[in-house]
Amino acid sequence: MSEWFRRKSNKINTNLKKDTREGVWMKCPACFEVISRKIANEKNGCCSSCNHHFRINSEQYVKIILEEGYVELWDNIKSLDPLNFNAIRPYKKQIDDSIDKTNKSDAISIFKGKII
């Protein structure tokens, strides 16, 4: 950094912040407040200023809804293509891409547990 941009006073720190990595902060689309992603996660995906609900993934949602000790049922079921469905992209390829993207073998997950 050029000396031209540095402050001359010893009381003012011009060093870069350490916690400004990509993804640490996010802007609320409702109130436009910049909030910590960590705090939003601690508040179950809600803005700390206006309580706007951010999108959360299914794993986060299950942890909010069910108490510890829940069990996922039939998590080994995988979609097949017994009709050899004809699409722009092969259906088997679409299934494999979806599994790679979500780490889930099916579009639905079933759990046994106690609701909070």
PDB file of N, CA and C in Angstrom:
ATOM      1  N   MET A   1       0.849  -1.176   0.000  1.00  0.00           N
ATOM      2  CA  MET A   1       0.000   0.000   0.000  1.00  0.00           C
ATOM      3  C   MET A   1       0.893   1.237   0.000  1.00  0.00           C
ATOM      4  N   SER A   2       0.541   2.153  -0.786  1.00  0.00           N
ATOM      5  CA  SER A   2       1.316   3.378  -0.909  1.00  0.00           C
ATOM      6  C   SER A   2       1.199   4.224   0.353  1.00  0.00           C
ATOM      7  N   GLU A   3       2.257   4.954   0.654  1.00  0.00           N
ATOM      8  CA  GLU A   3       2.253   5.833   1.826  1.00  0.00           C
ATOM      9  C   GLU A   3       1.220   6.945   1.681  1.00  0.00           C
ATOM     10  N   TRP A   4       0.838   7.263   0.453  1.00  0.00           N
ATOM     11  CA  TRP A   4      -0.123   8.326   0.214  1.00  0.00           C
ATOM     12  C   TRP A   4      -1.471   7.981   0.851  1.00  0.00           C
ATOM     13  N   PHE A   5      -1.827   6.672   0.939  1.00  0.00           N
ATOM     14  CA  PHE A   5      -3.101   6.250   1.490  1.00  0.00           C
ATOM     15  C   PHE A   5      -3.060   6.054   3.004  1.00  0.00           C
ATOM     16  N   ARG A   6      -1.916   6.025   3.603  1.00  0.00           N
ATOM     17  CA  ARG A   6      -1.803   5.761   5.046  1.00  0.00           C
ATOM     18  C   ARG A   6      -2.089   7.031   5.845  1.00  0.00           C
ATOM     19  N   ARG A   7      -2.702   6.833   6.990  1.00  0.00           N
ATOM     20  CA  ARG A   7      -2.960   7.943   7.902  1.00  0.00           C
ATOM     21  C   ARG A   7      -1.676   8.280   8.642  1.00  0.00           C
ATOM     22  N   LYS A   8      -1.512   9.528   9.002  1.00  0.00           N
ATOM     23  CA  LYS A   8      -0.300   9.934   9.686  1.00  0.00           C
ATOM     24  C   LYS A   8      -0.423   9.789  11.188  1.00  0.00           C
ATOM     25  N   SER A   9      -1.640   9.742  11.681  1.00  0.00           N
ATOM     26  CA  SER A   9      -1.846   9.618  13.115  1.00  0.00           C
ATOM     27  C   SER A   9      -1.596   8.179  13.553  1.00  0.00           C
ATOM     28  N   ASN A  10      -0.952   8.023  14.696  1.00  0.00           N
ATOM     29  CA  ASN A  10      -0.687   6.682  15.227  1.00  0.00           C
ATOM     30  C   ASN A  10      -1.953   6.057  15.830  1.00  0.00           C
ATOM     31  N   LYS A  11      -2.953   6.868  16.076  1.00  0.00           N
ATOM     32  CA  LYS A  11      -4.176   6.368  16.686  1.00  0.00           C
ATOM     33  C   LYS A  11      -5.106   5.684  15.683  1.00  0.00           C
ATOM     34  N   ILE A  12      -4.886   5.912  14.405  1.00  0.00           N
ATOM     35  CA  ILE A  12      -5.759   5.341  13.373  1.00  0.00           C
ATOM     36  C   ILE A  12      -5.034   4.183  12.700  1.00  0.00           C
ATOM     37  N   ASN A  13      -5.662   3.024  12.724  1.00  0.00           N
ATOM     38  CA  ASN A  13      -5.087   1.826  12.122  1.00  0.00           C
ATOM     39  C   ASN A  13      -5.584   1.698  10.686  1.00  0.00           C
ATOM     40  N   THR A  14      -4.670   1.628   9.737  1.00  0.00           N
ATOM     41  CA  THR A  14      -5.057   1.515   8.335  1.00  0.00           C
ATOM     42  C   THR A  14      -4.798   0.125   7.770  1.00  0.00           C
ATOM     43  N   ASN A  15      -4.479  -0.833   8.625  1.00  0.00           N
ATOM     44  CA  ASN A  15      -4.267  -2.201   8.152  1.00  0.00           C
ATOM     45  C   ASN A  15      -5.601  -2.811   7.754  1.00  0.00           C
ATOM     46  N   LEU A  16      -5.554  -3.765   6.849  1.00  0.00           N
ATOM     47  CA  LEU A  16      -6.773  -4.433   6.412  1.00  0.00           C
ATOM     48  C   LEU A  16      -7.343  -5.287   7.533  1.00  0.00           C
ATOM     49  N   LYS A  17      -8.649  -5.389   7.576  1.00  0.00           N
ATOM     50  CA  LYS A  17      -9.301  -6.230   8.574  1.00  0.00           C
ATOM     51  C   LYS A  17      -8.990  -7.688   8.276  1.00  0.00           C
ATOM     52  N   LYS A  18      -8.872  -8.494   9.320  1.00  0.00           N
ATOM     53  CA  LYS A  18      -8.546  -9.896   9.150  1.00  0.00           C
ATOM     54  C   LYS A  18      -9.760 -10.746   8.813  1.00  0.00           C
ATOM     55  N   ASP A  19     -10.957 -10.304   9.168  1.00  0.00           N
ATOM     56  CA  ASP A  19     -12.146 -11.133   8.970  1.00  0.00           C
ATOM     57  C   ASP A  19     -12.969 -10.718   7.748  1.00  0.00           C
ATOM     58  N   THR A  20     -12.338 -10.165   6.726  1.00  0.00           N
ATOM     59  CA  THR A  20     -13.066  -9.742   5.537  1.00  0.00           C
ATOM     60  C   THR A  20     -12.938 -10.757   4.405  1.00  0.00           C
ATOM     61  N   ARG A  21     -12.741 -12.029   4.760  1.00  0.00           N
ATOM     62  CA  ARG A  21     -12.704 -13.081   3.747  1.00  0.00           C
ATOM     63  C   ARG A  21     -14.046 -13.153   3.037  1.00  0.00           C
ATOM     64  N   GLU A  22     -14.027 -13.707   1.856  1.00  0.00           N
ATOM     65  CA  GLU A  22     -15.239 -13.901   1.074  1.00  0.00           C
ATOM     66  C   GLU A  22     -16.205 -14.804   1.837  1.00  0.00           C
ATOM     67  N   GLY A  23     -17.452 -14.382   1.983  1.00  0.00           N
ATOM     68  CA  GLY A  23     -18.473 -15.206   2.603  1.00  0.00           C
ATOM     69  C   GLY A  23     -18.655 -15.016   4.094  1.00  0.00           C
ATOM     70  N   VAL A  24     -17.847 -14.167   4.737  1.00  0.00           N
ATOM     71  CA  VAL A  24     -17.982 -13.956   6.178  1.00  0.00           C
ATOM     72  C   VAL A  24     -19.161 -13.028   6.475  1.00  0.00           C
ATOM     73  N   TRP A  25     -19.383 -12.073   5.605  1.00  0.00           N
ATOM     74  CA  TRP A  25     -20.457 -11.099   5.795  1.00  0.00           C
ATOM     75  C   TRP A  25     -21.494 -11.262   4.697  1.00  0.00           C
ATOM     76  N   MET A  26     -22.735 -10.863   4.989  1.00  0.00           N
ATOM     77  CA  MET A  26     -23.786 -10.875   3.980  1.00  0.00           C
ATOM     78  C   MET A  26     -24.730  -9.711   4.219  1.00  0.00           C
ATOM     79  N   LYS A  27     -25.376  -9.265   3.139  1.00  0.00           N
ATOM     80  CA  LYS A  27     -26.286  -8.129   3.234  1.00  0.00           C
ATOM     81  C   LYS A  27     -27.720  -8.640   3.221  1.00  0.00           C
ATOM     82  N   CYS A  28     -28.500  -8.174   4.160  1.00  0.00           N
ATOM     83  CA  CYS A  28     -29.898  -8.561   4.247  1.00  0.00           C
ATOM     84  C   CYS A  28     -30.677  -7.877   3.119  1.00  0.00           C
ATOM     85  N   PRO A  29     -31.432  -8.633   2.321  1.00  0.00           N
ATOM     86  CA  PRO A  29     -32.193  -8.009   1.235  1.00  0.00           C
ATOM     87  C   PRO A  29     -33.398  -7.211   1.720  1.00  0.00           C
ATOM     88  N   ALA A  30     -33.804  -7.401   2.976  1.00  0.00           N
ATOM     89  CA  ALA A  30     -34.969  -6.685   3.504  1.00  0.00           C
ATOM     90  C   ALA A  30     -34.590  -5.333   4.103  1.00  0.00           C
ATOM     91  N   CYS A  31     -33.556  -5.325   4.979  1.00  0.00           N
ATOM     92  CA  CYS A  31     -33.197  -4.065   5.665  1.00  0.00           C
ATOM     93  C   CYS A  31     -31.856  -3.512   5.207  1.00  0.00           C
ATOM     94  N   PHE A  32     -31.158  -4.251   4.337  1.00  0.00           N
ATOM     95  CA  PHE A  32     -29.864  -3.860   3.772  1.00  0.00           C
ATOM     96  C   PHE A  32     -28.751  -3.743   4.802  1.00  0.00           C
ATOM     97  N   GLU A  33     -28.965  -4.314   5.972  1.00  0.00           N
ATOM     98  CA  GLU A  33     -27.942  -4.338   7.018  1.00  0.00           C
ATOM     99  C   GLU A  33     -26.890  -5.393   6.652  1.00  0.00           C
ATOM    100  N   VAL A  34     -25.624  -5.076   6.865  1.00  0.00           N
ATOM    101  CA  VAL A  34     -24.555  -6.047   6.656  1.00  0.00           C
ATOM    102  C   VAL A  34     -24.369  -6.797   7.968  1.00  0.00           C
ATOM    103  N   ILE A  35     -24.550  -8.117   7.911  1.00  0.00           N
ATOM    104  CA  ILE A  35     -24.489  -8.925   9.130  1.00  0.00           C
ATOM    105  C   ILE A  35     -23.510 -10.075   8.962  1.00  0.00           C
ATOM    106  N   SER A  36     -23.066 -10.587  10.062  1.00  0.00           N
ATOM    107  CA  SER A  36     -22.154 -11.716  10.076  1.00  0.00           C
ATOM    108  C   SER A  36     -22.914 -12.992   9.713  1.00  0.00           C
ATOM    109  N   ARG A  37     -22.351 -13.778   8.807  1.00  0.00           N
ATOM    110  CA  ARG A  37     -22.965 -15.047   8.421  1.00  0.00           C
ATOM    111  C   ARG A  37     -23.036 -15.991   9.625  1.00  0.00           C
ATOM    112  N   LYS A  38     -22.020 -15.915  10.503  1.00  0.00           N
ATOM    113  CA  LYS A  38     -21.991 -16.761  11.694  1.00  0.00           C
ATOM    114  C   LYS A  38     -23.173 -16.447  12.605  1.00  0.00           C
ATOM    115  N   ILE A  39     -23.443 -15.164  12.811  1.00  0.00           N
ATOM    116  CA  ILE A  39     -24.564 -14.764  13.667  1.00  0.00           C
ATOM    117  C   ILE A  39     -25.889 -15.158  13.029  1.00  0.00           C
ATOM    118  N   ALA A  40     -26.013 -15.000  11.719  1.00  0.00           N
ATOM    119  CA  ALA A  40     -27.244 -15.415  11.030  1.00  0.00           C
ATOM    120  C   ALA A  40     -27.454 -16.917  11.178  1.00  0.00           C
ATOM    121  N   ASN A  41     -26.386 -17.702  11.094  1.00  0.00           N
ATOM    122  CA  ASN A  41     -26.507 -19.152  11.278  1.00  0.00           C
ATOM    123  C   ASN A  41     -26.904 -19.499  12.702  1.00  0.00           C
ATOM    124  N   GLU A  42     -26.360 -18.766  13.678  1.00  0.00           N
ATOM    125  CA  GLU A  42     -26.722 -18.997  15.074  1.00  0.00           C
ATOM    126  C   GLU A  42     -28.194 -18.670  15.328  1.00  0.00           C
ATOM    127  N   LYS A  43     -28.737 -17.736  14.531  1.00  0.00           N
ATOM    128  CA  LYS A  43     -30.150 -17.358  14.658  1.00  0.00           C
ATOM    129  C   LYS A  43     -31.027 -18.157  13.687  1.00  0.00           C
ATOM    130  N   ASN A  44     -30.545 -19.329  13.282  1.00  0.00           N
ATOM    131  CA  ASN A  44     -31.285 -20.233  12.386  1.00  0.00           C
ATOM    132  C   ASN A  44     -31.661 -19.578  11.064  1.00  0.00           C
ATOM    133  N   GLY A  45     -30.734 -18.823  10.504  1.00  0.00           N
ATOM    134  CA  GLY A  45     -30.940 -18.235   9.189  1.00  0.00           C
ATOM    135  C   GLY A  45     -31.768 -16.971   9.186  1.00  0.00           C
ATOM    136  N   CYS A  46     -31.786 -16.239  10.293  1.00  0.00           N
ATOM    137  CA  CYS A  46     -32.562 -14.994  10.383  1.00  0.00           C
ATOM    138  C   CYS A  46     -31.634 -13.792  10.543  1.00  0.00           C
ATOM    139  N   CYS A  47     -32.039 -12.670   9.980  1.00  0.00           N
ATOM    140  CA  CYS A  47     -31.294 -11.419  10.118  1.00  0.00           C
ATOM    141  C   CYS A  47     -31.393 -10.949  11.569  1.00  0.00           C
ATOM    142  N   SER A  48     -30.280 -10.493  12.122  1.00  0.00           N
ATOM    143  CA  SER A  48     -30.269 -10.032  13.513  1.00  0.00           C
ATOM    144  C   SER A  48     -30.923  -8.661  13.673  1.00  0.00           C
ATOM    145  N   SER A  49     -31.144  -7.955  12.566  1.00  0.00           N
ATOM    146  CA  SER A  49     -31.766  -6.635  12.654  1.00  0.00           C
ATOM    147  C   SER A  49     -33.278  -6.662  12.444  1.00  0.00           C
ATOM    148  N   CYS A  50     -33.718  -7.387  11.409  1.00  0.00           N
ATOM    149  CA  CYS A  50     -35.143  -7.316  11.057  1.00  0.00           C
ATOM    150  C   CYS A  50     -35.842  -8.673  11.054  1.00  0.00           C
ATOM    151  N   ASN A  51     -35.127  -9.745  11.383  1.00  0.00           N
ATOM    152  CA  ASN A  51     -35.659 -11.110  11.411  1.00  0.00           C
ATOM    153  C   ASN A  51     -36.089 -11.638  10.050  1.00  0.00           C
ATOM    154  N   HIS A  52     -35.523 -11.085   8.980  1.00  0.00           N
ATOM    155  CA  HIS A  52     -35.756 -11.647   7.640  1.00  0.00           C
ATOM    156  C   HIS A  52     -35.214 -13.073   7.623  1.00  0.00           C
ATOM    157  N   HIS A  53     -35.941 -13.989   6.995  1.00  0.00           N
ATOM    158  CA  HIS A  53     -35.515 -15.384   6.915  1.00  0.00           C
ATOM    159  C   HIS A  53     -34.746 -15.620   5.621  1.00  0.00           C
ATOM    160  N   PHE A  54     -33.476 -15.995   5.748  1.00  0.00           N
ATOM    161  CA  PHE A  54     -32.663 -16.347   4.587  1.00  0.00           C
ATOM    162  C   PHE A  54     -32.965 -17.785   4.188  1.00  0.00           C
ATOM    163  N   ARG A  55     -32.605 -18.147   2.968  1.00  0.00           N
ATOM    164  CA  ARG A  55     -32.750 -19.525   2.529  1.00  0.00           C
ATOM    165  C   ARG A  55     -31.774 -20.395   3.300  1.00  0.00           C
ATOM    166  N   ILE A  56     -32.221 -21.571   3.695  1.00  0.00           N
ATOM    167  CA  ILE A  56     -31.348 -22.540   4.349  1.00  0.00           C
ATOM    168  C   ILE A  56     -31.494 -23.866   3.628  1.00  0.00           C
ATOM    169  N   ASN A  57     -30.474 -24.715   3.734  1.00  0.00           N
ATOM    170  CA  ASN A  57     -30.563 -26.011   3.075  1.00  0.00           C
ATOM    171  C   ASN A  57     -31.327 -26.997   3.950  1.00  0.00           C
ATOM    172  N   SER A  58     -31.605 -28.159   3.389  1.00  0.00           N
ATOM    173  CA  SER A  58     -32.440 -29.140   4.091  1.00  0.00           C
ATOM    174  C   SER A  58     -31.773 -29.660   5.367  1.00  0.00           C
ATOM    175  N   GLU A  59     -30.461 -29.792   5.364  1.00  0.00           N
ATOM    176  CA  GLU A  59     -29.763 -30.272   6.570  1.00  0.00           C
ATOM    177  C   GLU A  59     -29.916 -29.284   7.719  1.00  0.00           C
ATOM    178  N   GLN A  60     -29.795 -27.986   7.432  1.00  0.00           N
ATOM    179  CA  GLN A  60     -29.982 -26.970   8.465  1.00  0.00           C
ATOM    180  C   GLN A  60     -31.421 -26.995   8.980  1.00  0.00           C
ATOM    181  N   TYR A  61     -32.369 -27.171   8.068  1.00  0.00           N
ATOM    182  CA  TYR A  61     -33.777 -27.184   8.449  1.00  0.00           C
ATOM    183  C   TYR A  61     -34.087 -28.351   9.372  1.00  0.00           C
ATOM    184  N   VAL A  62     -33.538 -29.526   9.058  1.00  0.00           N
ATOM    185  CA  VAL A  62     -33.767 -30.702   9.900  1.00  0.00           C
ATOM    186  C   VAL A  62     -33.207 -30.461  11.302  1.00  0.00           C
ATOM    187  N   LYS A  63     -32.045 -29.835  11.406  1.00  0.00           N
ATOM    188  CA  LYS A  63     -31.442 -29.563  12.717  1.00  0.00           C
ATOM    189  C   LYS A  63     -32.266 -28.558  13.525  1.00  0.00           C
ATOM    190  N   ILE A  64     -32.980 -27.679  12.841  1.00  0.00           N
ATOM    191  CA  ILE A  64     -33.847 -26.716  13.529  1.00  0.00           C
ATOM    192  C   ILE A  64     -35.115 -27.406  14.024  1.00  0.00           C
ATOM    193  N   ILE A  65     -35.658 -28.297  13.222  1.00  0.00           N
ATOM    194  CA  ILE A  65     -36.960 -28.908  13.505  1.00  0.00           C
ATOM    195  C   ILE A  65     -36.884 -30.060  14.504  1.00  0.00           C
ATOM    196  N   LEU A  66     -35.850 -30.907  14.388  1.00  0.00           N
ATOM    197  CA  LEU A  66     -35.798 -32.131  15.184  1.00  0.00           C
ATOM    198  C   LEU A  66     -34.766 -32.055  16.302  1.00  0.00           C
ATOM    199  N   GLU A  67     -35.086 -32.714  17.423  1.00  0.00           N
ATOM    200  CA  GLU A  67     -34.139 -32.806  18.529  1.00  0.00           C
ATOM    201  C   GLU A  67     -32.996 -33.739  18.149  1.00  0.00           C
ATOM    202  N   GLU A  68     -31.894 -33.628  18.895  1.00  0.00           N
ATOM    203  CA  GLU A  68     -30.753 -34.534  18.687  1.00  0.00           C
ATOM    204  C   GLU A  68     -31.215 -35.979  18.814  1.00  0.00           C
ATOM    205  N   GLY A  69     -30.583 -36.862  18.077  1.00  0.00           N
ATOM    206  CA  GLY A  69     -30.923 -38.273  18.146  1.00  0.00           C
ATOM    207  C   GLY A  69     -31.867 -38.718  17.040  1.00  0.00           C
ATOM    208  N   TYR A  70     -32.228 -37.822  16.117  1.00  0.00           N
ATOM    209  CA  TYR A  70     -33.089 -38.220  15.005  1.00  0.00           C
ATOM    210  C   TYR A  70     -32.345 -39.198  14.094  1.00  0.00           C
ATOM    211  N   VAL A  71     -33.117 -39.976  13.342  1.00  0.00           N
ATOM    212  CA  VAL A  71     -32.553 -40.986  12.452  1.00  0.00           C
ATOM    213  C   VAL A  71     -33.149 -40.795  11.062  1.00  0.00           C
ATOM    214  N   GLU A  72     -32.302 -40.788  10.042  1.00  0.00           N
ATOM    215  CA  GLU A  72     -32.801 -40.730   8.671  1.00  0.00           C
ATOM    216  C   GLU A  72     -33.133 -42.143   8.216  1.00  0.00           C
ATOM    217  N   LEU A  73     -34.340 -42.304   7.674  1.00  0.00           N
ATOM    218  CA  LEU A  73     -34.798 -43.614   7.215  1.00  0.00           C
ATOM    219  C   LEU A  73     -34.640 -43.735   5.701  1.00  0.00           C
ATOM    220  N   TRP A  74     -34.319 -44.890   5.250  1.00  0.00           N
ATOM    221  CA  TRP A  74     -34.226 -45.219   3.828  1.00  0.00           C
ATOM    222  C   TRP A  74     -33.316 -44.259   3.051  1.00  0.00           C
ATOM    223  N   ASP A  75     -32.178 -43.922   3.642  1.00  0.00           N
ATOM    224  CA  ASP A  75     -31.259 -42.987   2.990  1.00  0.00           C
ATOM    225  C   ASP A  75     -30.435 -43.642   1.885  1.00  0.00           C
ATOM    226  N   ASN A  76     -30.608 -44.937   1.677  1.00  0.00           N
ATOM    227  CA  ASN A  76     -29.848 -45.631   0.636  1.00  0.00           C
ATOM    228  C   ASN A  76     -30.657 -45.835  -0.641  1.00  0.00           C
ATOM    229  N   ILE A  77     -31.878 -45.321  -0.692  1.00  0.00           N
ATOM    230  CA  ILE A  77     -32.708 -45.472  -1.886  1.00  0.00           C
ATOM    231  C   ILE A  77     -32.200 -44.532  -2.967  1.00  0.00           C
ATOM    232  N   LYS A  78     -32.065 -45.056  -4.187  1.00  0.00           N
ATOM    233  CA  LYS A  78     -31.585 -44.246  -5.304  1.00  0.00           C
ATOM    234  C   LYS A  78     -32.562 -44.370  -6.467  1.00  0.00           C
ATOM    235  N   SER A  79     -32.872 -43.250  -7.096  1.00  0.00           N
ATOM    236  CA  SER A  79     -33.767 -43.260  -8.246  1.00  0.00           C
ATOM    237  C   SER A  79     -33.146 -44.062  -9.387  1.00  0.00           C
ATOM    238  N   LEU A  80     -34.009 -44.738 -10.137  1.00  0.00           N
ATOM    239  CA  LEU A  80     -33.583 -45.503 -11.303  1.00  0.00           C
ATOM    240  C   LEU A  80     -34.281 -44.956 -12.541  1.00  0.00           C
ATOM    241  N   ASP A  81     -33.998 -45.533 -13.663  1.00  0.00           N
ATOM    242  CA  ASP A  81     -34.639 -45.140 -14.916  1.00  0.00           C
ATOM    243  C   ASP A  81     -35.168 -46.383 -15.623  1.00  0.00           C
ATOM    244  N   PRO A  82     -36.191 -47.065 -15.040  1.00  0.00           N
ATOM    245  CA  PRO A  82     -36.661 -48.307 -15.651  1.00  0.00           C
ATOM    246  C   PRO A  82     -37.357 -48.100 -16.997  1.00  0.00           C
ATOM    247  N   LEU A  83     -37.850 -46.899 -17.275  1.00  0.00           N
ATOM    248  CA  LEU A  83     -38.543 -46.629 -18.539  1.00  0.00           C
ATOM    249  C   LEU A  83     -37.603 -46.068 -19.607  1.00  0.00           C
ATOM    250  N   ASN A  84     -36.316 -45.926 -19.267  1.00  0.00           N
ATOM    251  CA  ASN A  84     -35.341 -45.311 -20.188  1.00  0.00           C
ATOM    252  C   ASN A  84     -35.874 -43.984 -20.720  1.00  0.00           C
ATOM    253  N   PHE A  85     -36.203 -43.114 -19.792  1.00  0.00           N
ATOM    254  CA  PHE A  85     -36.784 -41.807 -20.098  1.00  0.00           C
ATOM    255  C   PHE A  85     -35.907 -41.045 -21.072  1.00  0.00           C
ATOM    256  N   ASN A  86     -36.509 -40.512 -22.121  1.00  0.00           N
ATOM    257  CA  ASN A  86     -35.795 -39.787 -23.159  1.00  0.00           C
ATOM    258  C   ASN A  86     -35.901 -38.293 -22.886  1.00  0.00           C
ATOM    259  N   ALA A  87     -34.763 -37.654 -22.639  1.00  0.00           N
ATOM    260  CA  ALA A  87     -34.733 -36.218 -22.359  1.00  0.00           C
ATOM    261  C   ALA A  87     -33.556 -35.596 -23.096  1.00  0.00           C
ATOM    262  N   ILE A  88     -33.430 -34.276 -22.999  1.00  0.00           N
ATOM    263  CA  ILE A  88     -32.316 -33.581 -23.648  1.00  0.00           C
ATOM    264  C   ILE A  88     -30.998 -34.117 -23.110  1.00  0.00           C
ATOM    265  N   ARG A  89     -30.913 -34.225 -21.781  1.00  0.00           N
ATOM    266  CA  ARG A  89     -29.762 -34.878 -21.141  1.00  0.00           C
ATOM    267  C   ARG A  89     -30.234 -36.231 -20.645  1.00  0.00           C
ATOM    268  N   PRO A  90     -29.430 -37.255 -20.760  1.00  0.00           N
ATOM    269  CA  PRO A  90     -29.856 -38.572 -20.260  1.00  0.00           C
ATOM    270  C   PRO A  90     -30.280 -38.494 -18.795  1.00  0.00           C
ATOM    271  N   TYR A  91     -31.394 -39.154 -18.473  1.00  0.00           N
ATOM    272  CA  TYR A  91     -31.948 -39.092 -17.137  1.00  0.00           C
ATOM    273  C   TYR A  91     -30.982 -39.651 -16.101  1.00  0.00           C
ATOM    274  N   LYS A  92     -30.288 -40.712 -16.447  1.00  0.00           N
ATOM    275  CA  LYS A  92     -29.308 -41.288 -15.514  1.00  0.00           C
ATOM    276  C   LYS A  92     -28.211 -40.266 -15.190  1.00  0.00           C
ATOM    277  N   LYS A  93     -27.825 -39.470 -16.180  1.00  0.00           N
ATOM    278  CA  LYS A  93     -26.825 -38.420 -15.962  1.00  0.00           C
ATOM    279  C   LYS A  93     -27.390 -37.338 -15.044  1.00  0.00           C
ATOM    280  N   GLN A  94     -28.664 -36.992 -15.209  1.00  0.00           N
ATOM    281  CA  GLN A  94     -29.300 -36.003 -14.352  1.00  0.00           C
ATOM    282  C   GLN A  94     -29.335 -36.486 -12.896  1.00  0.00           C
ATOM    283  N   ILE A  95     -29.621 -37.764 -12.715  1.00  0.00           N
ATOM    284  CA  ILE A  95     -29.653 -38.339 -11.366  1.00  0.00           C
ATOM    285  C   ILE A  95     -28.267 -38.265 -10.740  1.00  0.00           C
ATOM    286  N   ASP A  96     -27.258 -38.679 -11.487  1.00  0.00           N
ATOM    287  CA  ASP A  96     -25.885 -38.660 -10.967  1.00  0.00           C
ATOM    288  C   ASP A  96     -25.422 -37.245 -10.645  1.00  0.00           C
ATOM    289  N   ASP A  97     -25.771 -36.281 -11.506  1.00  0.00           N
ATOM    290  CA  ASP A  97     -25.405 -34.882 -11.253  1.00  0.00           C
ATOM    291  C   ASP A  97     -26.074 -34.358  -9.985  1.00  0.00           C
ATOM    292  N   SER A  98     -27.326 -34.738  -9.791  1.00  0.00           N
ATOM    293  CA  SER A  98     -28.055 -34.311  -8.595  1.00  0.00           C
ATOM    294  C   SER A  98     -27.432 -34.901  -7.329  1.00  0.00           C
ATOM    295  N   ILE A  99     -27.037 -36.159  -7.379  1.00  0.00           N
ATOM    296  CA  ILE A  99     -26.398 -36.792  -6.229  1.00  0.00           C
ATOM    297  C   ILE A  99     -25.069 -36.114  -5.921  1.00  0.00           C
ATOM    298  N   ASP A 100     -24.297 -35.795  -6.963  1.00  0.00           N
ATOM    299  CA  ASP A 100     -23.017 -35.107  -6.763  1.00  0.00           C
ATOM    300  C   ASP A 100     -23.223 -33.720  -6.147  1.00  0.00           C
ATOM    301  N   LYS A 101     -24.266 -33.027  -6.581  1.00  0.00           N
ATOM    302  CA  LYS A 101     -24.517 -31.658  -6.118  1.00  0.00           C
ATOM    303  C   LYS A 101     -25.015 -31.620  -4.675  1.00  0.00           C
ATOM    304  N   THR A 102     -25.903 -32.553  -4.302  1.00  0.00           N
ATOM    305  CA  THR A 102     -26.576 -32.485  -3.010  1.00  0.00           C
ATOM    306  C   THR A 102     -26.062 -33.480  -1.976  1.00  0.00           C
ATOM    307  N   ASN A 103     -25.294 -34.463  -2.411  1.00  0.00           N
ATOM    308  CA  ASN A 103     -24.857 -35.568  -1.540  1.00  0.00           C
ATOM    309  C   ASN A 103     -26.049 -36.337  -0.986  1.00  0.00           C
ATOM    310  N   LYS A 104     -27.156 -36.293  -1.676  1.00  0.00           N
ATOM    311  CA  LYS A 104     -28.365 -37.037  -1.316  1.00  0.00           C
ATOM    312  C   LYS A 104     -28.715 -37.963  -2.474  1.00  0.00           C
ATOM    313  N   SER A 105     -29.170 -39.171  -2.144  1.00  0.00           N
ATOM    314  CA  SER A 105     -29.481 -40.135  -3.198  1.00  0.00           C
ATOM    315  C   SER A 105     -30.906 -39.999  -3.720  1.00  0.00           C
ATOM    316  N   ASP A 106     -31.732 -39.192  -3.067  1.00  0.00           N
ATOM    317  CA  ASP A 106     -33.102 -39.004  -3.520  1.00  0.00           C
ATOM    318  C   ASP A 106     -33.536 -37.577  -3.213  1.00  0.00           C
ATOM    319  N   ALA A 107     -34.642 -37.160  -3.823  1.00  0.00           N
ATOM    320  CA  ALA A 107     -35.123 -35.788  -3.648  1.00  0.00           C
ATOM    321  C   ALA A 107     -35.839 -35.586  -2.321  1.00  0.00           C
ATOM    322  N   ILE A 108     -36.178 -36.663  -1.652  1.00  0.00           N
ATOM    323  CA  ILE A 108     -36.894 -36.559  -0.385  1.00  0.00           C
ATOM    324  C   ILE A 108     -36.118 -37.301   0.692  1.00  0.00           C
ATOM    325  N   SER A 109     -36.151 -36.762   1.896  1.00  0.00           N
ATOM    326  CA  SER A 109     -35.522 -37.410   3.043  1.00  0.00           C
ATOM    327  C   SER A 109     -36.589 -37.637   4.101  1.00  0.00           C
ATOM    328  N   ILE A 110     -36.562 -38.805   4.724  1.00  0.00           N
ATOM    329  CA  ILE A 110     -37.543 -39.155   5.747  1.00  0.00           C
ATOM    330  C   ILE A 110     -36.796 -39.400   7.046  1.00  0.00           C
ATOM    331  N   PHE A 111     -37.312 -38.785   8.123  1.00  0.00           N
ATOM    332  CA  PHE A 111     -36.633 -38.865   9.405  1.00  0.00           C
ATOM    333  C   PHE A 111     -37.581 -39.394  10.472  1.00  0.00           C
ATOM    334  N   LYS A 112     -36.991 -40.028  11.454  1.00  0.00           N
ATOM    335  CA  LYS A 112     -37.716 -40.429  12.656  1.00  0.00           C
ATOM    336  C   LYS A 112     -37.077 -39.677  13.814  1.00  0.00           C
ATOM    337  N   GLY A 113     -37.871 -38.892  14.526  1.00  0.00           N
ATOM    338  CA  GLY A 113     -37.345 -38.129  15.631  1.00  0.00           C
ATOM    339  C   GLY A 113     -38.420 -37.296  16.292  1.00  0.00           C
ATOM    340  N   LYS A 114     -38.019 -36.626  17.337  1.00  0.00           N
ATOM    341  CA  LYS A 114     -38.944 -35.800  18.101  1.00  0.00           C
ATOM    342  C   LYS A 114     -38.842 -34.357  17.629  1.00  0.00           C
ATOM    343  N   ILE A 115     -39.984 -33.769  17.316  1.00  0.00           N
ATOM    344  CA  ILE A 115     -40.033 -32.370  16.846  1.00  0.00           C
ATOM    345  C   ILE A 115     -39.848 -31.454  18.052  1.00  0.00           C
ATOM    346  N   ILE A 116     -39.025 -30.451  17.881  1.00  0.00           N
ATOM    347  CA  ILE A 116     -38.756 -29.492  18.956  1.00  0.00           C
ATOM    348  C   ILE A 116     -39.962 -28.619  19.185  1.00  0.00           C
TER     349      ILE A 116
END
